[in-house]
Protein backbone atom coordinates (compact mmCIF):
# COMPACT_ATOMS: atom_id res chain seq x y z
CA UNK A 1 107.45 236.96 237.41
CA UNK A 2 108.40 233.63 239.04
CA UNK A 3 104.70 232.84 239.40
CA UNK A 4 104.23 233.37 235.67
CA UNK A 5 107.11 230.99 234.84
CA UNK A 6 105.69 228.43 237.26
CA UNK A 7 102.28 228.73 235.64
CA UNK A 8 103.79 228.57 232.17
CA UNK A 9 105.76 225.38 232.92
CA UNK A 10 102.62 223.87 234.50
CA UNK A 11 100.66 224.75 231.35
CA UNK A 12 103.34 223.04 229.26
CA UNK A 13 103.15 219.91 231.38
CA UNK A 14 99.37 220.10 231.34
CA UNK A 15 99.38 220.45 227.56
CA UNK A 16 101.69 217.45 227.23
CA UNK A 17 99.50 215.41 229.57
CA UNK A 18 96.35 216.40 227.66
CA UNK A 19 98.00 215.51 224.35
CA UNK A 20 99.11 212.12 225.70
CA UNK A 21 95.61 211.45 227.06
CA UNK A 22 94.02 212.45 223.75
CA UNK A 23 96.37 210.22 221.75
CA UNK A 24 95.75 207.29 224.11
CA UNK A 25 91.98 207.80 223.89
CA UNK A 26 92.05 207.95 220.09
CA UNK A 27 94.23 204.83 219.84
CA UNK A 28 91.89 202.97 222.20
CA UNK A 29 88.87 204.04 220.15
CA UNK A 30 90.59 202.91 216.94
CA UNK A 31 91.38 199.49 218.41
CA UNK A 32 87.78 199.13 219.61
CA UNK A 33 86.38 200.07 216.18
CA UNK A 34 88.68 197.64 214.40
CA UNK A 35 87.87 194.88 216.92
CA UNK A 36 84.18 195.59 216.47
CA UNK A 37 84.49 194.91 212.76
CA UNK A 38 85.69 191.40 213.52
CA UNK A 39 82.77 190.84 215.90
CA UNK A 40 80.31 191.99 213.24
CA UNK A 41 81.49 189.36 210.81
CA UNK A 42 83.60 191.56 208.56
CA UNK A 43 86.10 189.15 207.13
CA UNK A 44 89.53 189.90 205.83
CA UNK A 45 90.33 188.60 202.35
CA UNK A 46 91.74 185.09 202.30
CA UNK A 47 93.87 183.75 199.49
CA UNK A 48 92.23 180.83 197.70
CA UNK A 49 94.35 177.68 197.44
CA UNK A 50 95.66 176.82 194.00
CA UNK A 51 93.62 174.19 192.14
CA UNK A 52 94.67 170.66 193.03
CA UNK A 53 96.15 171.58 196.42
CA UNK A 54 94.81 170.39 199.73
CA UNK A 55 94.02 173.33 202.00
CA UNK A 56 93.88 171.31 205.20
CA UNK A 57 94.79 167.88 206.46
CA UNK A 58 92.05 165.25 206.35
CA UNK A 59 90.03 165.07 209.54
CA UNK A 60 90.70 162.03 211.67
CA UNK A 61 87.61 160.00 212.55
CA UNK A 62 86.65 160.76 216.16
CA UNK A 63 86.18 157.85 218.55
CA UNK A 64 83.28 157.13 220.93
CA UNK A 65 84.36 156.24 224.47
CA UNK A 66 81.39 154.49 226.17
CA UNK A 67 83.04 154.83 229.60
CA UNK A 68 84.68 158.18 228.82
CA UNK A 69 83.97 161.64 230.14
CA UNK A 70 82.03 164.35 228.35
CA UNK A 71 85.34 165.97 227.41
CA UNK A 72 86.59 162.65 225.97
CA UNK A 73 83.48 162.35 223.80
CA UNK A 74 83.17 165.98 222.71
CA UNK A 75 84.99 165.45 219.37
CA UNK A 76 82.81 162.43 218.55
CA UNK A 77 79.59 164.22 219.58
CA UNK A 78 80.60 167.22 217.48
CA UNK A 79 81.46 165.04 214.49
CA UNK A 80 78.13 163.18 214.67
CA UNK A 81 76.12 166.43 214.87
CA UNK A 82 78.08 167.94 211.99
CA UNK A 83 77.53 164.80 209.91
CA UNK A 84 73.79 165.08 210.59
CA UNK A 85 73.86 168.77 209.64
CA UNK A 86 75.64 167.94 206.37
CA UNK A 87 72.79 165.60 205.42
CA UNK A 88 69.62 167.03 203.91
CA UNK A 89 67.17 165.56 206.43
CA UNK A 90 64.92 167.83 208.49
CA UNK A 91 66.38 169.74 211.43
CA UNK A 92 64.04 168.30 214.03
CA UNK A 93 64.63 167.15 217.57
CA UNK A 94 63.47 163.57 217.06
CA UNK A 95 65.75 162.85 214.11
CA UNK A 96 68.70 164.57 215.82
CA UNK A 97 68.16 162.46 218.96
CA UNK A 98 67.89 159.32 216.82
CA UNK A 99 71.18 160.16 215.08
CA UNK A 100 72.95 160.68 218.42
CA UNK A 101 71.47 157.44 219.80
CA UNK A 102 72.60 155.60 216.63
CA UNK A 103 76.08 156.99 217.34
CA UNK A 104 76.10 155.17 220.70
CA UNK A 105 74.86 157.70 223.26
CA UNK A 106 72.16 156.64 225.76
CA UNK A 107 68.70 158.04 224.96
CA UNK A 108 67.76 158.02 228.69
CA UNK A 109 70.53 160.56 229.39
CA UNK A 110 69.43 162.96 226.66
CA UNK A 111 67.34 166.12 226.53
CA UNK A 112 66.11 167.95 223.43
CA UNK A 113 64.37 171.26 222.86
CA UNK A 114 61.08 171.67 221.02
CA UNK A 115 60.87 171.92 217.21
CA UNK A 116 58.31 174.71 217.36
CA UNK A 117 57.84 177.78 219.53
CA UNK A 118 54.87 178.46 221.81
CA UNK A 119 53.37 180.49 218.93
CA UNK A 120 53.78 177.51 216.55
CA UNK A 121 56.70 178.93 214.58
CA UNK A 122 59.67 176.78 213.57
CA UNK A 123 62.30 177.07 216.30
CA UNK A 124 65.42 179.03 215.34
CA UNK A 125 67.57 176.22 216.68
CA UNK A 126 67.37 172.80 218.24
CA UNK A 127 69.35 172.02 221.38
CA UNK A 128 70.30 168.46 222.25
CA UNK A 129 72.26 167.27 225.26
CA UNK A 130 73.73 164.09 226.67
CA UNK A 131 74.53 163.89 230.38
CA UNK A 132 77.72 161.99 231.18
CA UNK A 133 78.26 161.88 234.93
CA UNK A 134 77.98 165.44 236.21
CA UNK A 135 78.82 166.99 232.85
CA UNK A 136 76.84 167.55 229.68
CA UNK A 137 77.58 167.47 226.00
CA UNK A 138 75.42 170.25 224.60
CA UNK A 139 74.81 170.76 220.90
CA UNK A 140 72.92 173.47 219.08
CA UNK A 141 71.87 173.28 215.43
CA UNK A 142 70.43 176.33 213.69
CA UNK A 143 67.40 175.41 211.62
CA UNK A 144 68.00 178.06 208.94
CA UNK A 145 71.55 177.18 207.88
CA UNK A 146 72.31 173.95 209.81
CA UNK A 147 75.24 175.57 211.62
CA UNK A 148 76.39 173.55 214.65
CA UNK A 149 77.91 174.59 217.98
CA UNK A 150 78.93 172.17 220.75
CA UNK A 151 80.35 172.45 224.24
CA UNK A 152 80.84 170.65 227.53
CA UNK A 153 79.07 172.22 230.50
CA UNK A 154 78.39 171.13 234.07
CA UNK A 155 75.04 169.51 234.77
CA UNK A 156 72.75 171.61 236.96
CA UNK A 157 69.89 171.03 239.33
CA UNK A 158 69.57 169.47 242.77
CA UNK A 159 71.29 166.23 241.74
CA UNK A 160 73.26 167.53 238.73
CA UNK A 161 70.98 165.69 236.30
CA UNK A 162 69.84 168.56 234.08
CA UNK A 163 71.68 169.79 231.01
CA UNK A 164 69.14 172.02 229.26
CA UNK A 165 67.44 174.60 231.47
CA UNK A 166 63.74 175.17 230.91
CA UNK A 167 61.03 172.97 229.46
CA UNK A 168 62.30 170.30 227.10
CA UNK A 169 60.53 167.85 224.85
CA UNK A 170 59.87 164.38 226.27
CA UNK A 171 61.98 161.72 224.56
CA UNK A 172 59.34 159.00 224.62
CA UNK A 173 59.83 157.18 221.34
């Protein structure tokens, strides 16, 4: 009989352990499913501000620092690209480069991706970069909806002079 009691108490502990493992697994799965909804773009409802109220503070004008770092100039670079995206001009590498040059960045330190693919389709996005020292300001503008993303990344290559990897369009105008 003692063996039976020992087995029975082990089964009870085993049952408790299995239940705890099952609950933990289900909770983890639930968290992953709910997190996945956020990654898929499912948005939670947001209350609309009442008419006549300001929903956010006015954006401060970013400043260009000619002798600054890439990090110093990221807000300005971002603001200039977003201003270009808000306009209704074409999303093309040449006009994006011209806008960034007009904002004060050096054309000779820039790279830009092609407007069209190798199969002559409109590119999904245009990448533009400005090398500042051994860092790069990198911007991406989607051609379909003019959405903009920017970041600072280290320059690459033998002498840290490359920002966009792969073949880029010559900036010869």
